[in-house]
Amino acid sequence: MDPQPINKDVTEEDLNLIYDSFEELNQKLSGLASEIFKNETDKKVLSKPSHFTFSIVHRAIELNRGFKTLAKANNWLTAINLIRLQQDNCMRLFALSLVKDRLDFYQRILKGEHIRNIEDAEGKKMTDSYLSKKLDVLYPGFKMLYNKISGFVHFSKEHIDFNNDKIETEDSFLMYVRLSETTDIPIHEKVDYAFNMFMTGKELSKLLNGYKLSMAGFMKGIN
């Protein structure tokens, strides 16, 4: 998918609407997890893969809260990193659906094994690159966002660009470099980053709903 142009016809009101949507998204994630918990405890069972899932949900909700707090404080350089961490949640939950044995997967993770070293049902190691490509089929643009935001995780060109402002004069330009000042960015960029964080959370909620449905079917087979 080719990069889409950023919509510059936005205002602070649009940004605040996205902030408000984070709370609704958190409630949806919590609600789905509660349904999974109820379906299992009604059978007097709480599966270990669901423990893995609940841990992802908890992290996702905290990331949404953290993003909102940082963004409202105008700390965008830190907030943007959380988009990549939310994508990490999507990839980890998605990985659970790709393995032959979910219990074995859970136990290996609990022992500290990295998911990138674990193979899926097709015998492919589930590296971030592999998982992001497969998720891009479900959610077009996932891989492109992954590549873009990954540049903010490790120090790179993105940090240098974020730190510089060019002030044009009549015959040249001046370079302004920040040290401790708060970094402000245009409103359309704020809306774009916030929207991407929100949409990544929505993709996670879809994956979580898929897990809920698969576990509901499994639980029906338990007497």
N, C-alpha and C. Protein backbone atom coordinates (compact mmCIF):
# COMPACT_ATOMS: atom_id res chain seq x y z
N MET A 1 0.85 -1.19 0.00
CA MET A 1 0.00 0.00 0.00
C MET A 1 0.88 1.24 0.00
N ASP A 2 0.57 2.18 -0.87
CA ASP A 2 1.32 3.44 -0.93
C ASP A 2 0.91 4.35 0.22
N PRO A 3 1.84 5.17 0.72
CA PRO A 3 1.50 6.12 1.79
C PRO A 3 0.39 7.05 1.36
N GLN A 4 -0.55 7.28 2.25
CA GLN A 4 -1.66 8.18 1.98
C GLN A 4 -1.33 9.59 2.47
N PRO A 5 -1.75 10.62 1.72
CA PRO A 5 -1.47 11.99 2.17
C PRO A 5 -2.17 12.29 3.49
N ILE A 6 -1.51 13.04 4.34
CA ILE A 6 -2.09 13.40 5.64
C ILE A 6 -3.15 14.47 5.44
N ASN A 7 -4.29 14.29 6.06
CA ASN A 7 -5.35 15.29 6.00
C ASN A 7 -4.96 16.48 6.88
N LYS A 8 -4.75 17.63 6.24
CA LYS A 8 -4.35 18.82 6.98
C LYS A 8 -5.53 19.69 7.41
N ASP A 9 -6.72 19.29 6.98
CA ASP A 9 -7.92 20.07 7.32
C ASP A 9 -8.50 19.55 8.64
N VAL A 10 -7.72 19.71 9.72
CA VAL A 10 -8.13 19.21 11.04
C VAL A 10 -7.89 20.30 12.09
N THR A 11 -8.50 20.11 13.25
CA THR A 11 -8.40 21.10 14.33
C THR A 11 -8.14 20.39 15.66
N GLU A 12 -7.97 21.19 16.70
CA GLU A 12 -7.83 20.65 18.05
C GLU A 12 -9.06 19.85 18.45
N GLU A 13 -10.21 20.23 17.93
CA GLU A 13 -11.44 19.50 18.24
C GLU A 13 -11.36 18.06 17.73
N ASP A 14 -10.77 17.88 16.55
CA ASP A 14 -10.60 16.53 16.01
C ASP A 14 -9.67 15.71 16.90
N LEU A 15 -8.62 16.36 17.39
CA LEU A 15 -7.69 15.67 18.27
C LEU A 15 -8.36 15.25 19.57
N ASN A 16 -9.17 16.14 20.13
CA ASN A 16 -9.87 15.84 21.38
C ASN A 16 -10.88 14.70 21.21
N LEU A 17 -11.48 14.61 20.02
CA LEU A 17 -12.41 13.52 19.74
C LEU A 17 -11.68 12.17 19.76
N ILE A 18 -10.47 12.16 19.24
CA ILE A 18 -9.68 10.92 19.28
C ILE A 18 -9.31 10.58 20.72
N TYR A 19 -8.92 11.59 21.49
CA TYR A 19 -8.61 11.35 22.90
C TYR A 19 -9.81 10.72 23.61
N ASP A 20 -11.00 11.24 23.35
CA ASP A 20 -12.21 10.69 23.97
C ASP A 20 -12.44 9.25 23.54
N SER A 21 -12.07 8.95 22.30
CA SER A 21 -12.30 7.60 21.76
C SER A 21 -11.41 6.56 22.43
N PHE A 22 -10.27 7.00 22.99
CA PHE A 22 -9.39 6.05 23.67
C PHE A 22 -10.10 5.40 24.84
N GLU A 23 -10.89 6.17 25.58
CA GLU A 23 -11.58 5.62 26.74
C GLU A 23 -12.63 4.60 26.29
N GLU A 24 -13.33 4.89 25.20
CA GLU A 24 -14.30 3.94 24.66
C GLU A 24 -13.60 2.66 24.21
N LEU A 25 -12.44 2.81 23.59
CA LEU A 25 -11.67 1.65 23.14
C LEU A 25 -11.21 0.82 24.33
N ASN A 26 -10.75 1.48 25.38
CA ASN A 26 -10.31 0.76 26.57
C ASN A 26 -11.46 -0.03 27.19
N GLN A 27 -12.64 0.57 27.19
CA GLN A 27 -13.81 -0.12 27.73
C GLN A 27 -14.16 -1.35 26.88
N LYS A 28 -13.99 -1.22 25.57
CA LYS A 28 -14.27 -2.35 24.69
C LYS A 28 -13.28 -3.48 24.93
N LEU A 29 -12.00 -3.14 25.04
CA LEU A 29 -10.98 -4.15 25.30
C LEU A 29 -11.24 -4.85 26.64
N SER A 30 -11.56 -4.06 27.65
CA SER A 30 -11.84 -4.62 28.97
C SER A 30 -13.09 -5.50 28.92
N GLY A 31 -14.10 -5.05 28.18
CA GLY A 31 -15.34 -5.81 28.07
C GLY A 31 -15.14 -7.16 27.39
N LEU A 32 -14.34 -7.17 26.32
CA LEU A 32 -14.06 -8.43 25.62
C LEU A 32 -13.31 -9.40 26.54
N ALA A 33 -12.33 -8.87 27.27
CA ALA A 33 -11.57 -9.72 28.19
C ALA A 33 -12.48 -10.27 29.29
N SER A 34 -13.41 -9.45 29.76
CA SER A 34 -14.35 -9.89 30.80
C SER A 34 -15.26 -11.00 30.27
N GLU A 35 -15.66 -10.91 29.01
CA GLU A 35 -16.49 -11.95 28.41
C GLU A 35 -15.73 -13.27 28.31
N ILE A 36 -14.45 -13.18 27.91
CA ILE A 36 -13.62 -14.39 27.84
C ILE A 36 -13.50 -15.01 29.23
N PHE A 37 -13.25 -14.16 30.23
CA PHE A 37 -13.11 -14.64 31.61
C PHE A 37 -14.39 -15.32 32.08
N LYS A 38 -15.54 -14.71 31.80
CA LYS A 38 -16.83 -15.28 32.24
C LYS A 38 -17.10 -16.61 31.55
N ASN A 39 -16.83 -16.68 30.23
CA ASN A 39 -17.07 -17.92 29.50
C ASN A 39 -16.26 -19.07 30.07
N GLU A 40 -15.05 -18.76 30.53
CA GLU A 40 -14.19 -19.82 31.05
C GLU A 40 -14.52 -20.16 32.50
N THR A 41 -14.74 -19.15 33.32
CA THR A 41 -15.00 -19.43 34.74
C THR A 41 -16.38 -20.06 34.94
N ASP A 42 -17.30 -19.85 33.99
CA ASP A 42 -18.58 -20.56 34.06
C ASP A 42 -18.37 -22.06 33.95
N LYS A 43 -17.29 -22.44 33.27
CA LYS A 43 -16.93 -23.85 33.14
C LYS A 43 -15.91 -24.26 34.21
N LYS A 44 -15.69 -23.33 35.16
CA LYS A 44 -14.71 -23.55 36.24
C LYS A 44 -13.31 -23.82 35.69
N VAL A 45 -13.00 -23.09 34.59
CA VAL A 45 -11.69 -23.23 33.96
C VAL A 45 -11.18 -21.83 33.61
N LEU A 46 -9.89 -21.60 33.81
CA LEU A 46 -9.26 -20.39 33.30
C LEU A 46 -8.01 -20.83 32.56
N SER A 47 -8.06 -20.76 31.24
CA SER A 47 -6.96 -21.30 30.44
C SER A 47 -5.72 -20.42 30.53
N LYS A 48 -4.57 -21.06 30.39
CA LYS A 48 -3.31 -20.34 30.44
C LYS A 48 -3.14 -19.42 29.22
N PRO A 49 -3.58 -19.84 28.02
CA PRO A 49 -3.52 -18.90 26.89
C PRO A 49 -4.34 -17.63 27.14
N SER A 50 -5.43 -17.75 27.88
CA SER A 50 -6.22 -16.56 28.19
C SER A 50 -5.48 -15.66 29.18
N HIS A 51 -4.70 -16.24 30.06
CA HIS A 51 -3.86 -15.45 30.95
C HIS A 51 -2.88 -14.62 30.11
N PHE A 52 -2.30 -15.23 29.09
CA PHE A 52 -1.43 -14.53 28.14
C PHE A 52 -2.20 -13.38 27.50
N THR A 53 -3.43 -13.66 27.08
CA THR A 53 -4.27 -12.66 26.41
C THR A 53 -4.62 -11.50 27.34
N PHE A 54 -5.00 -11.82 28.57
CA PHE A 54 -5.37 -10.77 29.52
C PHE A 54 -4.19 -9.84 29.80
N SER A 55 -2.98 -10.41 29.81
CA SER A 55 -1.79 -9.59 30.05
C SER A 55 -1.57 -8.61 28.90
N ILE A 56 -1.89 -9.04 27.69
CA ILE A 56 -1.80 -8.14 26.53
C ILE A 56 -2.84 -7.03 26.65
N VAL A 57 -4.05 -7.39 27.04
CA VAL A 57 -5.12 -6.39 27.17
C VAL A 57 -4.75 -5.34 28.21
N HIS A 58 -4.23 -5.80 29.33
CA HIS A 58 -3.83 -4.85 30.38
C HIS A 58 -2.76 -3.89 29.86
N ARG A 59 -1.78 -4.43 29.17
CA ARG A 59 -0.72 -3.59 28.60
C ARG A 59 -1.30 -2.61 27.58
N ALA A 60 -2.23 -3.07 26.75
CA ALA A 60 -2.81 -2.22 25.72
C ALA A 60 -3.55 -1.03 26.32
N ILE A 61 -4.32 -1.29 27.37
CA ILE A 61 -5.07 -0.22 28.03
C ILE A 61 -4.12 0.79 28.66
N GLU A 62 -3.07 0.29 29.30
CA GLU A 62 -2.09 1.19 29.90
C GLU A 62 -1.37 2.02 28.84
N LEU A 63 -1.08 1.42 27.69
CA LEU A 63 -0.44 2.15 26.60
C LEU A 63 -1.35 3.26 26.08
N ASN A 64 -2.63 2.97 25.94
CA ASN A 64 -3.58 4.00 25.49
C ASN A 64 -3.63 5.16 26.47
N ARG A 65 -3.66 4.83 27.75
CA ARG A 65 -3.67 5.88 28.77
C ARG A 65 -2.37 6.69 28.74
N GLY A 66 -1.27 5.98 28.59
CA GLY A 66 0.02 6.65 28.55
C GLY A 66 0.16 7.56 27.34
N PHE A 67 -0.31 7.08 26.18
CA PHE A 67 -0.24 7.89 24.97
C PHE A 67 -1.02 9.20 25.15
N LYS A 68 -2.22 9.08 25.68
CA LYS A 68 -3.06 10.26 25.88
C LYS A 68 -2.39 11.25 26.84
N THR A 69 -1.83 10.74 27.93
CA THR A 69 -1.16 11.60 28.91
C THR A 69 0.04 12.31 28.29
N LEU A 70 0.86 11.56 27.57
CA LEU A 70 2.05 12.14 26.95
C LEU A 70 1.69 13.14 25.86
N ALA A 71 0.71 12.79 25.04
CA ALA A 71 0.31 13.67 23.95
C ALA A 71 -0.26 14.98 24.49
N LYS A 72 -1.07 14.89 25.53
CA LYS A 72 -1.64 16.11 26.12
C LYS A 72 -0.57 16.98 26.75
N ALA A 73 0.54 16.35 27.16
CA ALA A 73 1.67 17.10 27.72
C ALA A 73 2.61 17.59 26.61
N ASN A 74 2.22 17.33 25.37
CA ASN A 74 3.00 17.73 24.20
C ASN A 74 4.33 16.99 24.11
N ASN A 75 4.39 15.81 24.72
CA ASN A 75 5.60 14.98 24.65
C ASN A 75 5.41 13.94 23.54
N TRP A 76 5.35 14.44 22.33
CA TRP A 76 5.06 13.57 21.18
C TRP A 76 6.21 12.64 20.84
N LEU A 77 7.41 13.06 21.09
CA LEU A 77 8.57 12.22 20.77
C LEU A 77 8.52 10.90 21.54
N THR A 78 7.98 10.95 22.76
CA THR A 78 7.82 9.73 23.55
C THR A 78 6.52 9.02 23.20
N ALA A 79 5.46 9.78 23.01
CA ALA A 79 4.15 9.19 22.72
C ALA A 79 4.16 8.34 21.46
N ILE A 80 4.86 8.81 20.44
CA ILE A 80 4.89 8.10 19.16
C ILE A 80 5.42 6.68 19.32
N ASN A 81 6.39 6.49 20.22
CA ASN A 81 6.94 5.15 20.46
C ASN A 81 5.87 4.16 20.90
N LEU A 82 4.83 4.65 21.58
CA LEU A 82 3.81 3.75 22.10
C LEU A 82 2.96 3.14 20.98
N ILE A 83 2.93 3.79 19.81
CA ILE A 83 2.23 3.19 18.67
C ILE A 83 2.89 1.87 18.32
N ARG A 84 4.22 1.89 18.30
CA ARG A 84 4.97 0.67 17.98
C ARG A 84 4.75 -0.42 19.04
N LEU A 85 4.64 -0.01 20.30
CA LEU A 85 4.39 -0.99 21.36
C LEU A 85 2.98 -1.57 21.24
N GLN A 86 2.03 -0.76 20.79
CA GLN A 86 0.67 -1.28 20.59
C GLN A 86 0.65 -2.24 19.42
N GLN A 87 1.45 -1.95 18.39
CA GLN A 87 1.58 -2.91 17.29
C GLN A 87 2.19 -4.21 17.80
N ASP A 88 3.10 -4.11 18.74
CA ASP A 88 3.71 -5.29 19.34
C ASP A 88 2.63 -6.15 20.00
N ASN A 89 1.68 -5.51 20.67
CA ASN A 89 0.56 -6.25 21.27
C ASN A 89 -0.22 -7.02 20.21
N CYS A 90 -0.49 -6.35 19.08
CA CYS A 90 -1.22 -6.99 17.99
C CYS A 90 -0.47 -8.22 17.49
N MET A 91 0.84 -8.07 17.29
CA MET A 91 1.63 -9.16 16.76
C MET A 91 1.71 -10.33 17.73
N ARG A 92 1.82 -10.04 19.04
CA ARG A 92 1.89 -11.11 20.04
C ARG A 92 0.57 -11.87 20.14
N LEU A 93 -0.54 -11.14 20.13
CA LEU A 93 -1.83 -11.82 20.19
C LEU A 93 -2.09 -12.60 18.91
N PHE A 94 -1.68 -12.04 17.79
CA PHE A 94 -1.84 -12.73 16.51
C PHE A 94 -1.01 -14.01 16.48
N ALA A 95 0.18 -13.95 17.06
CA ALA A 95 1.05 -15.13 17.09
C ALA A 95 0.37 -16.30 17.79
N LEU A 96 -0.43 -16.01 18.80
CA LEU A 96 -1.14 -17.06 19.54
C LEU A 96 -2.07 -17.84 18.63
N SER A 97 -2.61 -17.18 17.61
CA SER A 97 -3.55 -17.83 16.70
C SER A 97 -2.84 -18.65 15.62
N LEU A 98 -1.53 -18.49 15.51
CA LEU A 98 -0.79 -19.15 14.43
C LEU A 98 -0.12 -20.46 14.84
N VAL A 99 -0.03 -20.71 16.14
CA VAL A 99 0.69 -21.90 16.60
C VAL A 99 -0.22 -23.12 16.68
N LYS A 100 0.40 -24.30 16.65
CA LYS A 100 -0.37 -25.54 16.77
C LYS A 100 -0.88 -25.76 18.18
N ASP A 101 -0.03 -25.44 19.16
CA ASP A 101 -0.34 -25.75 20.56
C ASP A 101 -0.23 -24.46 21.39
N ARG A 102 -1.37 -23.90 21.76
CA ARG A 102 -1.37 -22.63 22.50
C ARG A 102 -0.79 -22.78 23.90
N LEU A 103 -1.03 -23.92 24.53
CA LEU A 103 -0.51 -24.14 25.88
C LEU A 103 1.01 -24.21 25.85
N ASP A 104 1.56 -24.92 24.88
CA ASP A 104 3.01 -25.01 24.74
C ASP A 104 3.60 -23.62 24.47
N PHE A 105 2.92 -22.85 23.63
CA PHE A 105 3.35 -21.49 23.32
C PHE A 105 3.42 -20.65 24.60
N TYR A 106 2.35 -20.72 25.39
CA TYR A 106 2.27 -19.96 26.65
C TYR A 106 3.41 -20.35 27.59
N GLN A 107 3.62 -21.63 27.74
CA GLN A 107 4.65 -22.10 28.66
C GLN A 107 6.05 -21.68 28.22
N ARG A 108 6.29 -21.67 26.92
CA ARG A 108 7.60 -21.27 26.42
C ARG A 108 7.83 -19.77 26.64
N ILE A 109 6.76 -18.98 26.47
CA ILE A 109 6.86 -17.54 26.72
C ILE A 109 7.12 -17.29 28.21
N LEU A 110 6.43 -18.05 29.07
CA LEU A 110 6.57 -17.89 30.51
C LEU A 110 7.99 -18.23 30.97
N LYS A 111 8.64 -19.10 30.23
CA LYS A 111 10.03 -19.46 30.56
C LYS A 111 11.04 -18.44 30.03
N GLY A 112 10.53 -17.44 29.30
CA GLY A 112 11.41 -16.39 28.82
C GLY A 112 11.85 -16.53 27.37
N GLU A 113 11.29 -17.51 26.67
CA GLU A 113 11.68 -17.69 25.27
C GLU A 113 11.09 -16.57 24.41
N HIS A 114 11.87 -16.08 23.47
CA HIS A 114 11.41 -15.01 22.59
C HIS A 114 10.50 -15.58 21.50
N ILE A 115 9.42 -14.85 21.22
CA ILE A 115 8.48 -15.30 20.20
C ILE A 115 9.17 -15.42 18.84
N ARG A 116 10.16 -14.58 18.60
CA ARG A 116 10.85 -14.63 17.30
C ARG A 116 11.54 -15.97 17.05
N ASN A 117 11.76 -16.74 18.12
CA ASN A 117 12.41 -18.04 17.98
C ASN A 117 11.41 -19.20 17.96
N ILE A 118 10.13 -18.88 18.08
CA ILE A 118 9.09 -19.91 18.09
C ILE A 118 8.46 -20.01 16.70
N GLU A 119 8.23 -21.24 16.25
CA GLU A 119 7.66 -21.45 14.91
C GLU A 119 6.14 -21.52 14.96
N ASP A 120 5.52 -21.05 13.88
CA ASP A 120 4.07 -21.17 13.77
C ASP A 120 3.73 -22.55 13.20
N ALA A 121 2.45 -22.77 12.93
CA ALA A 121 2.01 -24.09 12.45
C ALA A 121 2.60 -24.43 11.09
N GLU A 122 3.09 -23.43 10.35
CA GLU A 122 3.68 -23.65 9.04
C GLU A 122 5.20 -23.83 9.12
N GLY A 123 5.73 -23.82 10.34
CA GLY A 123 7.16 -24.00 10.51
C GLY A 123 7.96 -22.73 10.30
N LYS A 124 7.31 -21.57 10.30
CA LYS A 124 7.99 -20.29 10.12
C LYS A 124 8.25 -19.63 11.46
N LYS A 125 9.47 -19.12 11.65
CA LYS A 125 9.76 -18.41 12.88
C LYS A 125 9.00 -17.09 12.91
N MET A 126 8.39 -16.82 14.05
CA MET A 126 7.48 -15.66 14.15
C MET A 126 8.24 -14.39 14.55
N THR A 127 9.09 -13.94 13.63
CA THR A 127 9.79 -12.67 13.85
C THR A 127 8.80 -11.53 13.68
N ASP A 128 9.18 -10.34 14.14
CA ASP A 128 8.31 -9.19 13.98
C ASP A 128 8.05 -8.89 12.50
N SER A 129 9.09 -9.06 11.68
CA SER A 129 8.94 -8.82 10.25
C SER A 129 7.91 -9.77 9.65
N TYR A 130 7.98 -11.04 10.04
CA TYR A 130 7.05 -12.06 9.55
C TYR A 130 5.62 -11.77 10.01
N LEU A 131 5.47 -11.47 11.29
CA LEU A 131 4.14 -11.23 11.84
C LEU A 131 3.52 -9.95 11.27
N SER A 132 4.34 -8.92 11.10
CA SER A 132 3.81 -7.65 10.57
C SER A 132 3.35 -7.81 9.12
N LYS A 133 4.06 -8.65 8.36
CA LYS A 133 3.65 -8.89 6.97
C LYS A 133 2.34 -9.66 6.92
N LYS A 134 2.19 -10.65 7.79
CA LYS A 134 0.94 -11.42 7.81
C LYS A 134 -0.22 -10.56 8.30
N LEU A 135 0.03 -9.70 9.27
CA LEU A 135 -1.03 -8.81 9.75
C LEU A 135 -1.41 -7.77 8.70
N ASP A 136 -0.46 -7.43 7.85
CA ASP A 136 -0.75 -6.45 6.80
C ASP A 136 -1.80 -6.97 5.83
N VAL A 137 -1.92 -8.29 5.72
CA VAL A 137 -2.96 -8.89 4.87
C VAL A 137 -4.34 -8.64 5.49
N LEU A 138 -4.40 -8.75 6.82
CA LEU A 138 -5.67 -8.51 7.52
C LEU A 138 -5.97 -7.02 7.62
N TYR A 139 -4.94 -6.24 7.91
CA TYR A 139 -5.10 -4.81 8.14
C TYR A 139 -4.12 -4.06 7.24
N PRO A 140 -4.52 -3.79 5.99
CA PRO A 140 -3.62 -3.10 5.05
C PRO A 140 -3.08 -1.79 5.64
N GLY A 141 -1.78 -1.62 5.55
CA GLY A 141 -1.13 -0.45 6.12
C GLY A 141 -0.41 -0.74 7.41
N PHE A 142 -0.65 -1.92 7.99
CA PHE A 142 -0.01 -2.27 9.26
C PHE A 142 1.50 -2.29 9.11
N LYS A 143 1.99 -2.92 8.06
CA LYS A 143 3.43 -3.05 7.85
C LYS A 143 4.06 -1.68 7.56
N MET A 144 3.38 -0.85 6.80
CA MET A 144 3.90 0.47 6.48
C MET A 144 4.04 1.31 7.75
N LEU A 145 3.03 1.25 8.62
CA LEU A 145 3.10 1.98 9.88
C LEU A 145 4.20 1.40 10.76
N TYR A 146 4.33 0.08 10.77
CA TYR A 146 5.39 -0.59 11.53
C TYR A 146 6.77 -0.07 11.12
N ASN A 147 7.00 0.02 9.83
CA ASN A 147 8.29 0.49 9.33
C ASN A 147 8.53 1.95 9.70
N LYS A 148 7.49 2.75 9.61
CA LYS A 148 7.62 4.18 9.90
C LYS A 148 7.91 4.43 11.37
N ILE A 149 7.13 3.81 12.24
CA ILE A 149 7.25 4.08 13.67
C ILE A 149 8.47 3.41 14.27
N SER A 150 8.94 2.33 13.67
CA SER A 150 10.14 1.66 14.19
C SER A 150 11.34 2.60 14.18
N GLY A 151 11.33 3.58 13.29
CA GLY A 151 12.42 4.55 13.24
C GLY A 151 12.51 5.41 14.48
N PHE A 152 11.42 5.48 15.25
CA PHE A 152 11.41 6.28 16.47
C PHE A 152 11.89 5.48 17.69
N VAL A 153 11.91 4.16 17.57
CA VAL A 153 12.28 3.32 18.72
C VAL A 153 13.78 3.37 18.97
N HIS A 154 14.56 3.18 17.91
CA HIS A 154 16.02 3.25 18.01
C HIS A 154 16.45 4.60 17.43
N PHE A 155 17.43 5.23 18.06
CA PHE A 155 17.84 6.56 17.62
C PHE A 155 18.20 6.52 16.13
N SER A 156 17.61 7.46 15.39
CA SER A 156 17.77 7.44 13.95
C SER A 156 17.49 8.82 13.35
N LYS A 157 17.40 8.86 12.05
CA LYS A 157 17.12 10.08 11.31
C LYS A 157 15.84 10.76 11.82
N GLU A 158 14.85 9.96 12.21
CA GLU A 158 13.58 10.53 12.67
C GLU A 158 13.79 11.45 13.87
N HIS A 159 14.68 11.07 14.79
CA HIS A 159 14.92 11.90 15.97
C HIS A 159 15.64 13.19 15.60
N ILE A 160 16.56 13.10 14.66
CA ILE A 160 17.27 14.30 14.22
C ILE A 160 16.30 15.24 13.52
N ASP A 161 15.47 14.69 12.63
CA ASP A 161 14.48 15.53 11.93
C ASP A 161 13.50 16.16 12.91
N PHE A 162 13.13 15.39 13.94
CA PHE A 162 12.17 15.87 14.93
C PHE A 162 12.74 17.01 15.74
N ASN A 163 14.05 17.05 15.86
CA ASN A 163 14.72 18.04 16.71
C ASN A 163 15.04 19.34 15.99
N ASN A 164 14.95 19.34 14.67
CA ASN A 164 15.38 20.50 13.89
C ASN A 164 14.22 21.28 13.30
N ASP A 165 14.39 22.59 13.24
CA ASP A 165 13.49 23.46 12.51
C ASP A 165 14.32 24.34 11.59
N LYS A 166 13.85 24.48 10.36
CA LYS A 166 14.52 25.38 9.43
C LYS A 166 13.77 26.71 9.38
N ILE A 167 14.48 27.78 9.64
CA ILE A 167 13.89 29.12 9.58
C ILE A 167 14.44 29.81 8.34
N GLU A 168 13.61 29.99 7.34
CA GLU A 168 14.05 30.55 6.07
C GLU A 168 14.21 32.07 6.17
N THR A 169 15.27 32.58 5.53
CA THR A 169 15.50 34.02 5.40
C THR A 169 15.43 34.36 3.90
N GLU A 170 15.74 35.57 3.57
CA GLU A 170 15.62 35.98 2.17
C GLU A 170 16.57 35.20 1.25
N ASP A 171 17.78 34.95 1.70
CA ASP A 171 18.75 34.31 0.82
C ASP A 171 19.33 33.01 1.38
N SER A 172 18.83 32.56 2.53
CA SER A 172 19.32 31.31 3.10
C SER A 172 18.34 30.83 4.16
N PHE A 173 18.80 30.00 5.06
CA PHE A 173 17.94 29.57 6.17
C PHE A 173 18.80 29.33 7.41
N LEU A 174 18.13 29.43 8.55
CA LEU A 174 18.79 29.15 9.82
C LEU A 174 18.28 27.82 10.35
N MET A 175 19.15 27.06 10.99
CA MET A 175 18.76 25.79 11.59
C MET A 175 18.59 25.98 13.09
N TYR A 176 17.38 25.67 13.58
CA TYR A 176 17.09 25.78 15.01
C TYR A 176 17.13 24.38 15.60
N VAL A 177 17.95 24.18 16.62
CA VAL A 177 18.09 22.88 17.27
C VAL A 177 17.64 22.98 18.72
N ARG A 178 16.76 22.05 19.14
CA ARG A 178 16.26 22.05 20.51
C ARG A 178 17.19 21.25 21.42
N LEU A 179 17.20 21.65 22.69
CA LEU A 179 17.89 20.87 23.71
C LEU A 179 16.91 20.39 24.77
N SER A 180 16.27 21.30 25.46
CA SER A 180 15.34 20.91 26.52
C SER A 180 13.93 21.44 26.30
N GLU A 181 13.73 22.17 25.20
CA GLU A 181 12.41 22.74 24.95
C GLU A 181 11.40 21.65 24.57
N THR A 182 10.15 21.90 24.90
CA THR A 182 9.08 21.02 24.46
C THR A 182 8.96 21.09 22.95
N THR A 183 8.85 19.94 22.32
CA THR A 183 8.73 19.90 20.86
C THR A 183 7.28 20.01 20.45
N ASP A 184 6.97 21.06 19.71
CA ASP A 184 5.62 21.20 19.19
C ASP A 184 5.60 20.77 17.73
N ILE A 185 4.52 20.15 17.31
CA ILE A 185 4.38 19.74 15.93
C ILE A 185 3.03 20.23 15.41
N PRO A 186 2.86 20.33 14.11
CA PRO A 186 1.59 20.83 13.55
C PRO A 186 0.41 19.98 13.98
N ILE A 187 -0.75 20.59 14.06
CA ILE A 187 -1.95 19.89 14.53
C ILE A 187 -2.29 18.69 13.65
N HIS A 188 -2.03 18.79 12.33
CA HIS A 188 -2.39 17.66 11.47
C HIS A 188 -1.49 16.45 11.75
N GLU A 189 -0.27 16.68 12.19
CA GLU A 189 0.60 15.56 12.55
C GLU A 189 0.15 14.96 13.89
N LYS A 190 -0.27 15.79 14.81
CA LYS A 190 -0.78 15.29 16.09
C LYS A 190 -1.99 14.39 15.86
N VAL A 191 -2.90 14.86 15.03
CA VAL A 191 -4.12 14.08 14.73
C VAL A 191 -3.74 12.77 14.05
N ASP A 192 -2.78 12.81 13.14
CA ASP A 192 -2.38 11.61 12.41
C ASP A 192 -1.77 10.57 13.35
N TYR A 193 -0.88 10.99 14.23
CA TYR A 193 -0.26 10.05 15.17
C TYR A 193 -1.30 9.48 16.14
N ALA A 194 -2.18 10.35 16.64
CA ALA A 194 -3.20 9.89 17.58
C ALA A 194 -4.17 8.92 16.90
N PHE A 195 -4.51 9.23 15.66
CA PHE A 195 -5.43 8.36 14.91
C PHE A 195 -4.80 6.99 14.68
N ASN A 196 -3.49 6.96 14.36
CA ASN A 196 -2.81 5.69 14.14
C ASN A 196 -2.74 4.87 15.42
N MET A 197 -2.56 5.53 16.55
CA MET A 197 -2.56 4.83 17.83
C MET A 197 -3.93 4.22 18.10
N PHE A 198 -4.97 5.01 17.82
CA PHE A 198 -6.33 4.53 18.04
C PHE A 198 -6.66 3.36 17.12
N MET A 199 -6.30 3.47 15.84
CA MET A 199 -6.62 2.41 14.88
C MET A 199 -5.86 1.12 15.20
N THR A 200 -4.63 1.24 15.69
CA THR A 200 -3.89 0.05 16.09
C THR A 200 -4.59 -0.65 17.25
N GLY A 201 -5.12 0.15 18.18
CA GLY A 201 -5.90 -0.42 19.27
C GLY A 201 -7.18 -1.09 18.79
N LYS A 202 -7.80 -0.52 17.76
CA LYS A 202 -9.01 -1.14 17.20
C LYS A 202 -8.68 -2.47 16.55
N GLU A 203 -7.54 -2.52 15.87
CA GLU A 203 -7.12 -3.79 15.26
C GLU A 203 -6.88 -4.84 16.34
N LEU A 204 -6.32 -4.42 17.46
CA LEU A 204 -6.12 -5.34 18.57
C LEU A 204 -7.46 -5.86 19.09
N SER A 205 -8.46 -4.98 19.16
CA SER A 205 -9.77 -5.40 19.65
C SER A 205 -10.41 -6.43 18.72
N LYS A 206 -10.14 -6.31 17.42
CA LYS A 206 -10.66 -7.29 16.46
C LYS A 206 -9.99 -8.64 16.65
N LEU A 207 -8.68 -8.61 16.87
CA LEU A 207 -7.96 -9.86 17.14
C LEU A 207 -8.44 -10.49 18.44
N LEU A 208 -8.70 -9.66 19.44
CA LEU A 208 -9.18 -10.16 20.72
C LEU A 208 -10.56 -10.78 20.58
N ASN A 209 -11.40 -10.17 19.76
CA ASN A 209 -12.73 -10.72 19.52
C ASN A 209 -12.63 -12.07 18.82
N GLY A 210 -11.68 -12.20 17.89
CA GLY A 210 -11.47 -13.48 17.24
C GLY A 210 -11.03 -14.55 18.22
N TYR A 211 -10.18 -14.17 19.17
CA TYR A 211 -9.76 -15.12 20.21
C TYR A 211 -10.95 -15.51 21.07
N LYS A 212 -11.78 -14.55 21.41
CA LYS A 212 -12.96 -14.82 22.24
C LYS A 212 -13.87 -15.85 21.56
N LEU A 213 -14.10 -15.67 20.26
CA LEU A 213 -14.97 -16.58 19.52
C LEU A 213 -14.37 -17.98 19.45
N SER A 214 -13.05 -18.05 19.24
CA SER A 214 -12.40 -19.36 19.16
C SER A 214 -12.47 -20.09 20.50
N MET A 215 -12.30 -19.35 21.59
CA MET A 215 -12.36 -19.96 22.92
C MET A 215 -13.79 -20.34 23.31
N ALA A 216 -14.75 -19.55 22.84
CA ALA A 216 -16.15 -19.88 23.12
C ALA A 216 -16.51 -21.22 22.47
N GLY A 217 -16.02 -21.42 21.26
CA GLY A 217 -16.26 -22.70 20.58
C GLY A 217 -15.59 -23.85 21.30
N PHE A 218 -14.38 -23.60 21.81
CA PHE A 218 -13.64 -24.62 22.55
C PHE A 218 -14.38 -24.97 23.84
N MET A 219 -14.89 -23.95 24.53
CA MET A 219 -15.55 -24.18 25.80
C MET A 219 -16.86 -24.96 25.66
N LYS A 220 -17.48 -24.85 24.51
CA LYS A 220 -18.73 -25.60 24.31
C LYS A 220 -18.49 -27.10 24.33
N GLY A 221 -17.24 -27.49 24.02
CA GLY A 221 -16.91 -28.89 24.01
C GLY A 221 -16.54 -29.46 25.37
N ILE A 222 -16.49 -28.55 26.37
CA ILE A 222 -16.16 -29.00 27.73
C ILE A 222 -17.42 -29.29 28.51
N ASN A 223 -17.55 -30.48 29.03
CA ASN A 223 -18.76 -30.84 29.81
C ASN A 223 -18.69 -30.28 31.21
